[in-house]
Amino acid sequence: QVQLVESGGGLVQAGGSLRLSCVASGSIFSIVTWGWYRQSPGKQRELVATDYINGVTNYADSVKGRFTISRDNAKSTVYLQMNSLKPADTAVYYCQSVPFCGGEWGRGTQVTVSS
């Protein structure tokens, strides 16, 4: 079973940047489409960025032009570079396969953007 460990979150002022990392255990990392999801209190978890195994990326409209997803197959790590952060980006961020095929979610990493 794949284990996911997210890191890199924190408190940042609006307009600032953060880089999230997610390390995945197991040997299937390179053949999985990975995504970053986020969940704010009282809201459903939403997919904000996707990195397909063919190198294509996709973003939710709310983060397009500000967030960049990437991966390093050799390190079994997926990244999310977040620039021009807004208070609306405040959430717990998780990485997971796209689509979600079951298994456990990691603990996530908290991102808090102050105005």
C-alpha atoms as a PDB file:
ATOM      1  CA  GLN A   1       0.000   0.000   0.000  1.00  0.00           C
ATOM      2  CA  VAL A   2       1.318   3.413  -0.979  1.00  0.00           C
ATOM      3  CA  GLN A   3       2.070   5.812   1.861  1.00  0.00           C
ATOM      4  CA  LEU A   4       2.046   9.526   1.211  1.00  0.00           C
ATOM      5  CA  VAL A   5       3.854  12.159   3.265  1.00  0.00           C
ATOM      6  CA  GLU A   6       3.210  15.808   2.469  1.00  0.00           C
ATOM      7  CA  SER A   7       5.348  18.683   3.705  1.00  0.00           C
ATOM      8  CA  GLY A   8       6.223  22.297   3.035  1.00  0.00           C
ATOM      9  CA  GLY A   9       3.148  24.074   4.282  1.00  0.00           C
ATOM     10  CA  GLY A  10       3.174  27.027   6.624  1.00  0.00           C
ATOM     11  CA  LEU A  11       1.985  30.542   7.314  1.00  0.00           C
ATOM     12  CA  VAL A  12       2.634  33.095   4.597  1.00  0.00           C
ATOM     13  CA  GLN A  13       1.399  36.571   3.771  1.00  0.00           C
ATOM     14  CA  ALA A  14      -0.753  37.190   0.744  1.00  0.00           C
ATOM     15  CA  GLY A  15       1.410  37.422  -2.351  1.00  0.00           C
ATOM     16  CA  GLY A  16       3.985  35.045  -0.936  1.00  0.00           C
ATOM     17  CA  SER A  17       5.127  31.641  -2.137  1.00  0.00           C
ATOM     18  CA  LEU A  18       5.425  28.110  -0.811  1.00  0.00           C
ATOM     19  CA  ARG A  19       6.648  24.846  -2.278  1.00  0.00           C
ATOM     20  CA  LEU A  20       4.922  21.685  -1.181  1.00  0.00           C
ATOM     21  CA  SER A  21       6.442  18.231  -1.462  1.00  0.00           C
ATOM     22  CA  CYS A  22       4.895  14.791  -1.312  1.00  0.00           C
ATOM     23  CA  VAL A  23       6.937  11.620  -1.038  1.00  0.00           C
ATOM     24  CA  ALA A  24       5.238   8.379  -2.034  1.00  0.00           C
ATOM     25  CA  SER A  25       6.380   4.949  -0.975  1.00  0.00           C
ATOM     26  CA  GLY A  26       6.200   1.935  -3.273  1.00  0.00           C
ATOM     27  CA  SER A  27       7.354   1.190  -6.786  1.00  0.00           C
ATOM     28  CA  ILE A  28       4.455   2.494  -8.847  1.00  0.00           C
ATOM     29  CA  PHE A  29       5.154   6.218  -8.565  1.00  0.00           C
ATOM     30  CA  SER A  30       6.196   6.745 -12.179  1.00  0.00           C
ATOM     31  CA  ILE A  31       3.091   5.109 -13.654  1.00  0.00           C
ATOM     32  CA  VAL A  32       0.584   7.072 -11.615  1.00  0.00           C
ATOM     33  CA  THR A  33      -1.082  10.333 -12.487  1.00  0.00           C
ATOM     34  CA  TRP A  34      -0.614  12.476  -9.388  1.00  0.00           C
ATOM     35  CA  GLY A  35      -2.599  15.395  -8.150  1.00  0.00           C
ATOM     36  CA  TRP A  36      -2.673  17.936  -5.389  1.00  0.00           C
ATOM     37  CA  TYR A  37      -5.971  18.324  -3.590  1.00  0.00           C
ATOM     38  CA  ARG A  38      -6.967  20.798  -0.911  1.00  0.00           C
ATOM     39  CA  GLN A  39      -9.687  21.028   1.690  1.00  0.00           C
ATOM     40  CA  SER A  40     -10.826  24.059   3.647  1.00  0.00           C
ATOM     41  CA  PRO A  41     -13.029  23.861   6.748  1.00  0.00           C
ATOM     42  CA  GLY A  42     -16.629  23.246   5.770  1.00  0.00           C
ATOM     43  CA  LYS A  43     -15.774  22.607   2.131  1.00  0.00           C
ATOM     44  CA  GLN A  44     -15.349  19.504   0.035  1.00  0.00           C
ATOM     45  CA  ARG A  45     -11.902  18.370  -0.969  1.00  0.00           C
ATOM     46  CA  GLU A  46     -11.045  19.730  -4.405  1.00  0.00           C
ATOM     47  CA  LEU A  47      -8.450  18.807  -6.997  1.00  0.00           C
ATOM     48  CA  VAL A  48      -6.301  21.816  -7.840  1.00  0.00           C
ATOM     49  CA  ALA A  49      -3.435  20.426  -9.937  1.00  0.00           C
ATOM     50  CA  THR A  50      -2.782  17.254 -11.935  1.00  0.00           C
ATOM     51  CA  ASP A  51       0.432  15.846 -13.363  1.00  0.00           C
ATOM     52  CA  TYR A  52      -0.201  13.169 -15.971  1.00  0.00           C
ATOM     53  CA  ILE A  53       2.376  10.490 -16.685  1.00  0.00           C
ATOM     54  CA  ASN A  54       2.847  11.901 -20.193  1.00  0.00           C
ATOM     55  CA  GLY A  55       3.959  15.234 -18.779  1.00  0.00           C
ATOM     56  CA  VAL A  56       0.735  17.108 -19.348  1.00  0.00           C
ATOM     57  CA  THR A  57      -0.463  19.216 -16.433  1.00  0.00           C
ATOM     58  CA  ASN A  58      -3.873  20.616 -15.591  1.00  0.00           C
ATOM     59  CA  TYR A  59      -5.066  23.168 -13.067  1.00  0.00           C
ATOM     60  CA  ALA A  60      -8.251  24.364 -11.482  1.00  0.00           C
ATOM     61  CA  ASP A  61      -9.232  27.808 -12.691  1.00  0.00           C
ATOM     62  CA  SER A  62      -8.736  29.190  -9.193  1.00  0.00           C
ATOM     63  CA  VAL A  63      -4.989  28.430  -9.242  1.00  0.00           C
ATOM     64  CA  LYS A  64      -4.143  28.567 -12.947  1.00  0.00           C
ATOM     65  CA  GLY A  65      -1.143  30.783 -13.617  1.00  0.00           C
ATOM     66  CA  ARG A  66      -0.102  30.764  -9.951  1.00  0.00           C
ATOM     67  CA  PHE A  67       0.527  27.099  -9.101  1.00  0.00           C
ATOM     68  CA  THR A  68       2.867  24.657 -10.844  1.00  0.00           C
ATOM     69  CA  ILE A  69       2.849  20.901 -10.303  1.00  0.00           C
ATOM     70  CA  SER A  70       5.887  18.788 -11.107  1.00  0.00           C
ATOM     71  CA  ARG A  71       7.373  15.420 -10.240  1.00  0.00           C
ATOM     72  CA  ASP A  72      10.716  13.716  -9.775  1.00  0.00           C
ATOM     73  CA  ASN A  73      10.274  10.023 -10.525  1.00  0.00           C
ATOM     74  CA  ALA A  74      13.742   9.191  -9.215  1.00  0.00           C
ATOM     75  CA  LYS A  75      12.779  10.598  -5.822  1.00  0.00           C
ATOM     76  CA  SER A  76       9.156   9.427  -5.908  1.00  0.00           C
ATOM     77  CA  THR A  77       8.204  12.996  -5.113  1.00  0.00           C
ATOM     78  CA  VAL A  78       5.564  15.312  -6.476  1.00  0.00           C
ATOM     79  CA  TYR A  79       5.804  19.060  -5.912  1.00  0.00           C
ATOM     80  CA  LEU A  80       3.461  22.019  -5.916  1.00  0.00           C
ATOM     81  CA  GLN A  81       5.010  25.442  -6.361  1.00  0.00           C
ATOM     82  CA  MET A  82       2.521  28.048  -5.179  1.00  0.00           C
ATOM     83  CA  ASN A  83       3.071  31.688  -6.026  1.00  0.00           C
ATOM     84  CA  SER A  84       0.979  34.831  -5.522  1.00  0.00           C
ATOM     85  CA  LEU A  85      -0.841  33.144  -2.691  1.00  0.00           C
ATOM     86  CA  LYS A  86      -4.241  34.441  -1.615  1.00  0.00           C
ATOM     87  CA  PRO A  87      -6.187  34.017   1.628  1.00  0.00           C
ATOM     88  CA  ALA A  88      -8.607  31.833  -0.360  1.00  0.00           C
ATOM     89  CA  ASP A  89      -5.757  29.338  -0.821  1.00  0.00           C
ATOM     90  CA  THR A  90      -5.795  28.580   2.897  1.00  0.00           C
ATOM     91  CA  ALA A  91      -6.427  24.854   3.265  1.00  0.00           C
ATOM     92  CA  VAL A  92      -4.889  21.497   4.060  1.00  0.00           C
ATOM     93  CA  TYR A  93      -3.143  20.231   0.955  1.00  0.00           C
ATOM     94  CA  TYR A  94      -2.885  16.548   0.049  1.00  0.00           C
ATOM     95  CA  CYS A  95      -1.325  14.606  -2.783  1.00  0.00           C
ATOM     96  CA  GLN A  96      -3.054  11.550  -4.164  1.00  0.00           C
ATOM     97  CA  SER A  97      -3.600   9.659  -7.394  1.00  0.00           C
ATOM     98  CA  VAL A  98      -5.937  11.009 -10.043  1.00  0.00           C
ATOM     99  CA  PRO A  99      -8.523   9.663 -10.123  1.00  0.00           C
ATOM    100  CA  PHE A 100      -8.546   8.518  -6.529  1.00  0.00           C
ATOM    101  CA  CYS A 101      -8.452   4.722  -6.597  1.00  0.00           C
ATOM    102  CA  GLY A 102      -8.700   3.987  -2.900  1.00  0.00           C
ATOM    103  CA  GLY A 103      -6.076   3.643  -0.227  1.00  0.00           C
ATOM    104  CA  GLU A 104      -5.166   5.979   2.547  1.00  0.00           C
ATOM    105  CA  TRP A 105      -4.691   9.704   2.355  1.00  0.00           C
ATOM    106  CA  GLY A 106      -1.672  11.281   3.953  1.00  0.00           C
ATOM    107  CA  ARG A 107      -1.966  13.735   6.806  1.00  0.00           C
ATOM    108  CA  GLY A 108      -1.654  16.656   4.451  1.00  0.00           C
ATOM    109  CA  THR A 109       0.163  19.906   5.036  1.00  0.00           C
ATOM    110  CA  GLN A 110      -1.511  23.069   6.279  1.00  0.00           C
ATOM    111  CA  VAL A 111      -1.201  26.235   4.221  1.00  0.00           C
ATOM    112  CA  THR A 112      -2.387  29.445   5.820  1.00  0.00           C
ATOM    113  CA  VAL A 113      -2.324  32.707   3.893  1.00  0.00           C
ATOM    114  CA  SER A 114      -2.834  35.885   5.870  1.00  0.00           C
ATOM    115  CA  SER A 115      -4.220  39.058   4.341  1.00  0.00           C
END
